């Protein structure tokens, strides 16, 4: 019978995350062709950033004070519910 005073716990092994099948397919094609598929279109990146920079301000102007207050209260409530 083992001594109960001395208990050793097994360490967890670190598992490598399984790749998504789509990610696996992309990596196979990249290795086979020697090209990088993951590069982004610089024009699309710039356009997306432009929209992102003005999106929040434009939305705040569009919303009335009452609606903004409701959204802020909902966000604050969600943050407080997450706290332990």
N, C-alpha and C. Protein backbone atom coordinates (compact mmCIF):
# COMPACT_ATOMS: atom_id res chain seq x y z
N UNK A 1 0.84 -1.17 0.00
CA UNK A 1 0.00 0.00 0.00
C UNK A 1 0.89 1.24 0.00
N UNK A 2 0.60 2.21 -0.89
CA UNK A 2 1.47 3.39 -0.98
C UNK A 2 1.31 4.30 0.22
N UNK A 3 2.39 4.99 0.53
CA UNK A 3 2.38 5.94 1.63
C UNK A 3 1.57 7.17 1.21
N UNK A 4 0.54 7.55 1.97
CA UNK A 4 -0.35 8.66 1.63
C UNK A 4 0.29 10.01 1.91
N UNK A 5 1.37 10.03 2.68
CA UNK A 5 2.02 11.30 2.99
C UNK A 5 2.78 11.85 1.78
N UNK A 6 3.28 10.97 0.96
CA UNK A 6 4.06 11.39 -0.19
C UNK A 6 3.24 11.11 -1.45
N UNK A 7 2.78 12.20 -2.03
CA UNK A 7 1.97 12.06 -3.24
C UNK A 7 2.66 12.83 -4.35
N UNK A 8 2.92 12.15 -5.42
CA UNK A 8 3.53 12.85 -6.55
C UNK A 8 2.49 12.97 -7.65
N UNK A 9 2.44 14.15 -8.23
CA UNK A 9 1.48 14.38 -9.30
C UNK A 9 2.21 14.28 -10.63
N UNK A 10 1.54 13.73 -11.58
CA UNK A 10 2.11 13.62 -12.91
C UNK A 10 2.03 14.98 -13.60
N UNK A 11 3.06 15.28 -14.34
CA UNK A 11 3.06 16.53 -15.10
C UNK A 11 2.30 16.32 -16.40
N UNK A 12 1.60 17.37 -16.82
CA UNK A 12 0.88 17.27 -18.09
C UNK A 12 1.86 17.36 -19.24
N UNK A 13 1.60 16.58 -20.24
CA UNK A 13 2.45 16.67 -21.42
C UNK A 13 1.92 17.79 -22.30
N UNK A 14 2.82 18.50 -22.92
CA UNK A 14 2.38 19.57 -23.81
C UNK A 14 2.01 18.94 -25.15
N UNK A 15 0.78 19.18 -25.55
CA UNK A 15 0.31 18.62 -26.81
C UNK A 15 0.39 19.68 -27.89
N UNK A 16 0.80 19.27 -29.05
CA UNK A 16 0.82 20.19 -30.18
C UNK A 16 -0.61 20.34 -30.67
N UNK A 17 -1.03 21.59 -30.88
CA UNK A 17 -2.39 21.82 -31.37
C UNK A 17 -2.54 21.22 -32.76
N UNK A 18 -3.68 20.63 -32.97
CA UNK A 18 -3.96 20.08 -34.29
C UNK A 18 -4.27 21.23 -35.24
N UNK A 19 -3.74 21.15 -36.43
CA UNK A 19 -4.00 22.18 -37.42
C UNK A 19 -5.38 21.98 -38.03
N UNK A 20 -6.00 23.07 -38.36
CA UNK A 20 -7.25 23.04 -39.09
C UNK A 20 -6.96 22.42 -40.46
N UNK A 21 -7.91 21.71 -41.03
CA UNK A 21 -7.67 21.07 -42.32
C UNK A 21 -7.35 22.09 -43.42
N UNK A 22 -8.00 23.26 -43.36
CA UNK A 22 -7.72 24.29 -44.36
C UNK A 22 -6.29 24.81 -44.21
N UNK A 23 -5.85 25.00 -42.98
CA UNK A 23 -4.48 25.45 -42.74
C UNK A 23 -3.48 24.41 -43.22
N UNK A 24 -3.81 23.16 -42.98
CA UNK A 24 -2.94 22.08 -43.43
C UNK A 24 -2.85 22.07 -44.95
N UNK A 25 -3.99 22.26 -45.64
CA UNK A 25 -4.00 22.27 -47.10
C UNK A 25 -3.17 23.42 -47.64
N UNK A 26 -3.29 24.60 -47.02
CA UNK A 26 -2.51 25.76 -47.45
C UNK A 26 -1.02 25.48 -47.29
N UNK A 27 -0.65 24.91 -46.16
CA UNK A 27 0.78 24.64 -45.94
C UNK A 27 1.32 23.62 -46.94
N UNK A 28 0.51 22.65 -47.31
CA UNK A 28 0.94 21.64 -48.29
C UNK A 28 1.15 22.30 -49.66
N UNK A 29 0.19 23.16 -50.06
CA UNK A 29 0.31 23.84 -51.36
C UNK A 29 1.53 24.75 -51.36
N UNK A 30 1.75 25.47 -50.26
CA UNK A 30 2.91 26.36 -50.17
C UNK A 30 4.22 25.59 -50.30
N UNK A 31 4.29 24.45 -49.63
CA UNK A 31 5.51 23.64 -49.70
C UNK A 31 5.72 23.07 -51.10
N UNK A 32 4.62 22.68 -51.75
CA UNK A 32 4.72 22.08 -53.07
C UNK A 32 5.10 23.10 -54.14
N UNK A 33 4.54 24.31 -54.03
CA UNK A 33 4.78 25.32 -55.07
C UNK A 33 5.92 26.26 -54.73
N UNK A 34 6.27 26.35 -53.47
CA UNK A 34 7.32 27.26 -53.05
C UNK A 34 6.87 28.71 -52.99
N UNK A 35 5.57 28.95 -53.02
CA UNK A 35 5.06 30.32 -52.94
C UNK A 35 4.31 30.53 -51.63
N UNK A 36 4.12 31.78 -51.30
CA UNK A 36 3.42 32.11 -50.06
C UNK A 36 2.03 32.61 -50.40
N UNK A 37 1.01 31.87 -50.04
CA UNK A 37 -0.38 32.22 -50.35
C UNK A 37 -0.92 33.25 -49.35
N UNK A 38 -0.33 33.32 -48.18
CA UNK A 38 -0.88 34.12 -47.10
C UNK A 38 -0.61 35.62 -47.21
N UNK A 39 0.05 36.08 -48.26
CA UNK A 39 0.33 37.51 -48.38
C UNK A 39 -0.96 38.28 -48.60
N UNK A 40 -1.04 39.45 -48.01
CA UNK A 40 -2.24 40.27 -48.12
C UNK A 40 -2.06 41.34 -49.19
N UNK A 41 -3.16 41.73 -49.78
CA UNK A 41 -3.14 42.79 -50.78
C UNK A 41 -2.98 44.12 -50.05
N UNK A 42 -1.90 44.87 -50.30
CA UNK A 42 -1.67 46.12 -49.58
C UNK A 42 -2.79 47.14 -49.76
N UNK A 43 -3.39 47.18 -50.95
CA UNK A 43 -4.49 48.12 -51.20
C UNK A 43 -5.70 47.77 -50.33
N UNK A 44 -5.98 46.49 -50.19
CA UNK A 44 -7.12 46.06 -49.36
C UNK A 44 -6.85 46.34 -47.89
N UNK A 45 -5.62 46.16 -47.47
CA UNK A 45 -5.25 46.43 -46.08
C UNK A 45 -5.44 47.92 -45.78
N UNK A 46 -4.98 48.78 -46.68
CA UNK A 46 -5.11 50.22 -46.49
C UNK A 46 -6.58 50.64 -46.45
N UNK A 47 -7.38 50.06 -47.33
CA UNK A 47 -8.80 50.39 -47.37
C UNK A 47 -9.50 49.95 -46.09
N UNK A 48 -9.18 48.78 -45.61
CA UNK A 48 -9.77 48.28 -44.37
C UNK A 48 -9.37 49.13 -43.17
N UNK A 49 -8.13 49.56 -43.15
CA UNK A 49 -7.67 50.41 -42.06
C UNK A 49 -8.37 51.76 -42.10
N UNK A 50 -8.56 52.30 -43.28
CA UNK A 50 -9.23 53.59 -43.43
C UNK A 50 -10.65 53.52 -42.86
N UNK A 51 -11.36 52.46 -43.20
CA UNK A 51 -12.72 52.29 -42.67
C UNK A 51 -12.71 52.09 -41.17
N UNK A 52 -11.73 51.37 -40.66
CA UNK A 52 -11.64 51.12 -39.23
C UNK A 52 -11.34 52.37 -38.44
N UNK A 53 -10.55 53.27 -39.03
CA UNK A 53 -10.19 54.51 -38.32
C UNK A 53 -11.38 55.44 -38.15
N UNK A 54 -12.24 55.48 -39.15
CA UNK A 54 -13.36 56.41 -39.04
C UNK A 54 -14.66 55.75 -38.58
N UNK A 55 -14.68 54.44 -38.46
CA UNK A 55 -15.91 53.72 -38.13
C UNK A 55 -16.50 54.07 -36.78
N UNK A 56 -15.68 54.08 -35.74
CA UNK A 56 -16.18 54.34 -34.39
C UNK A 56 -16.70 55.75 -34.23
N UNK A 57 -15.98 56.72 -34.78
CA UNK A 57 -16.41 58.12 -34.68
C UNK A 57 -17.71 58.34 -35.44
N UNK A 58 -17.80 57.78 -36.64
CA UNK A 58 -19.00 57.93 -37.45
C UNK A 58 -20.21 57.30 -36.76
N UNK A 59 -20.00 56.16 -36.12
CA UNK A 59 -21.09 55.49 -35.42
C UNK A 59 -21.53 56.30 -34.21
N UNK A 60 -20.58 56.88 -33.48
CA UNK A 60 -20.91 57.68 -32.31
C UNK A 60 -21.73 58.91 -32.70
N UNK A 61 -21.40 59.53 -33.82
CA UNK A 61 -22.16 60.70 -34.28
C UNK A 61 -23.56 60.29 -34.70
N UNK A 62 -23.67 59.13 -35.34
CA UNK A 62 -24.96 58.66 -35.84
C UNK A 62 -25.91 58.30 -34.69
N UNK A 63 -25.39 57.74 -33.60
CA UNK A 63 -26.22 57.32 -32.48
C UNK A 63 -26.61 58.52 -31.63
N UNK A 64 -27.80 58.45 -31.06
CA UNK A 64 -28.22 59.49 -30.15
C UNK A 64 -27.65 59.23 -28.76
N UNK A 65 -27.75 60.23 -27.87
CA UNK A 65 -27.20 60.08 -26.51
C UNK A 65 -27.85 58.93 -25.73
N UNK A 66 -29.14 58.72 -25.92
CA UNK A 66 -29.84 57.66 -25.18
C UNK A 66 -29.32 56.28 -25.61
N UNK A 67 -29.16 56.08 -26.91
CA UNK A 67 -28.69 54.79 -27.42
C UNK A 67 -27.24 54.54 -27.01
N UNK A 68 -26.40 55.60 -27.05
CA UNK A 68 -25.01 55.46 -26.61
C UNK A 68 -24.94 55.05 -25.15
N UNK A 69 -25.82 55.63 -24.33
CA UNK A 69 -25.85 55.31 -22.91
C UNK A 69 -26.24 53.85 -22.70
N UNK A 70 -27.24 53.38 -23.45
CA UNK A 70 -27.68 51.98 -23.34
C UNK A 70 -26.53 51.02 -23.70
N UNK A 71 -25.82 51.35 -24.77
CA UNK A 71 -24.71 50.50 -25.22
C UNK A 71 -23.61 50.48 -24.17
N UNK A 72 -23.30 51.65 -23.60
CA UNK A 72 -22.25 51.74 -22.58
C UNK A 72 -22.63 50.96 -21.32
N UNK A 73 -23.90 51.04 -20.93
CA UNK A 73 -24.36 50.32 -19.73
C UNK A 73 -24.29 48.81 -19.97
N UNK A 74 -24.67 48.37 -21.16
CA UNK A 74 -24.62 46.95 -21.48
C UNK A 74 -23.18 46.44 -21.45
N UNK A 75 -22.25 47.25 -21.99
CA UNK A 75 -20.83 46.86 -22.00
C UNK A 75 -20.28 46.80 -20.58
N UNK A 76 -20.63 47.78 -19.75
CA UNK A 76 -20.15 47.80 -18.36
C UNK A 76 -20.68 46.60 -17.60
N UNK A 77 -21.95 46.28 -17.82
CA UNK A 77 -22.56 45.12 -17.14
C UNK A 77 -21.84 43.83 -17.54
N UNK A 78 -21.53 43.70 -18.84
CA UNK A 78 -20.83 42.50 -19.32
C UNK A 78 -19.44 42.41 -18.70
N UNK A 79 -18.75 43.54 -18.56
CA UNK A 79 -17.41 43.52 -17.95
C UNK A 79 -17.50 43.11 -16.49
N UNK A 80 -18.48 43.63 -15.76
CA UNK A 80 -18.59 43.31 -14.34
C UNK A 80 -19.02 41.87 -14.10
N UNK A 81 -19.79 41.30 -15.02
CA UNK A 81 -20.19 39.90 -14.85
C UNK A 81 -19.03 38.95 -15.05
N UNK A 82 -18.01 39.37 -15.80
CA UNK A 82 -16.84 38.52 -16.02
C UNK A 82 -15.95 38.45 -14.80
N UNK A 83 -16.01 39.46 -13.95
CA UNK A 83 -15.10 39.51 -12.78
C UNK A 83 -15.43 38.38 -11.81
N UNK A 84 -14.40 37.80 -11.19
CA UNK A 84 -14.62 36.71 -10.24
C UNK A 84 -15.18 37.18 -8.93
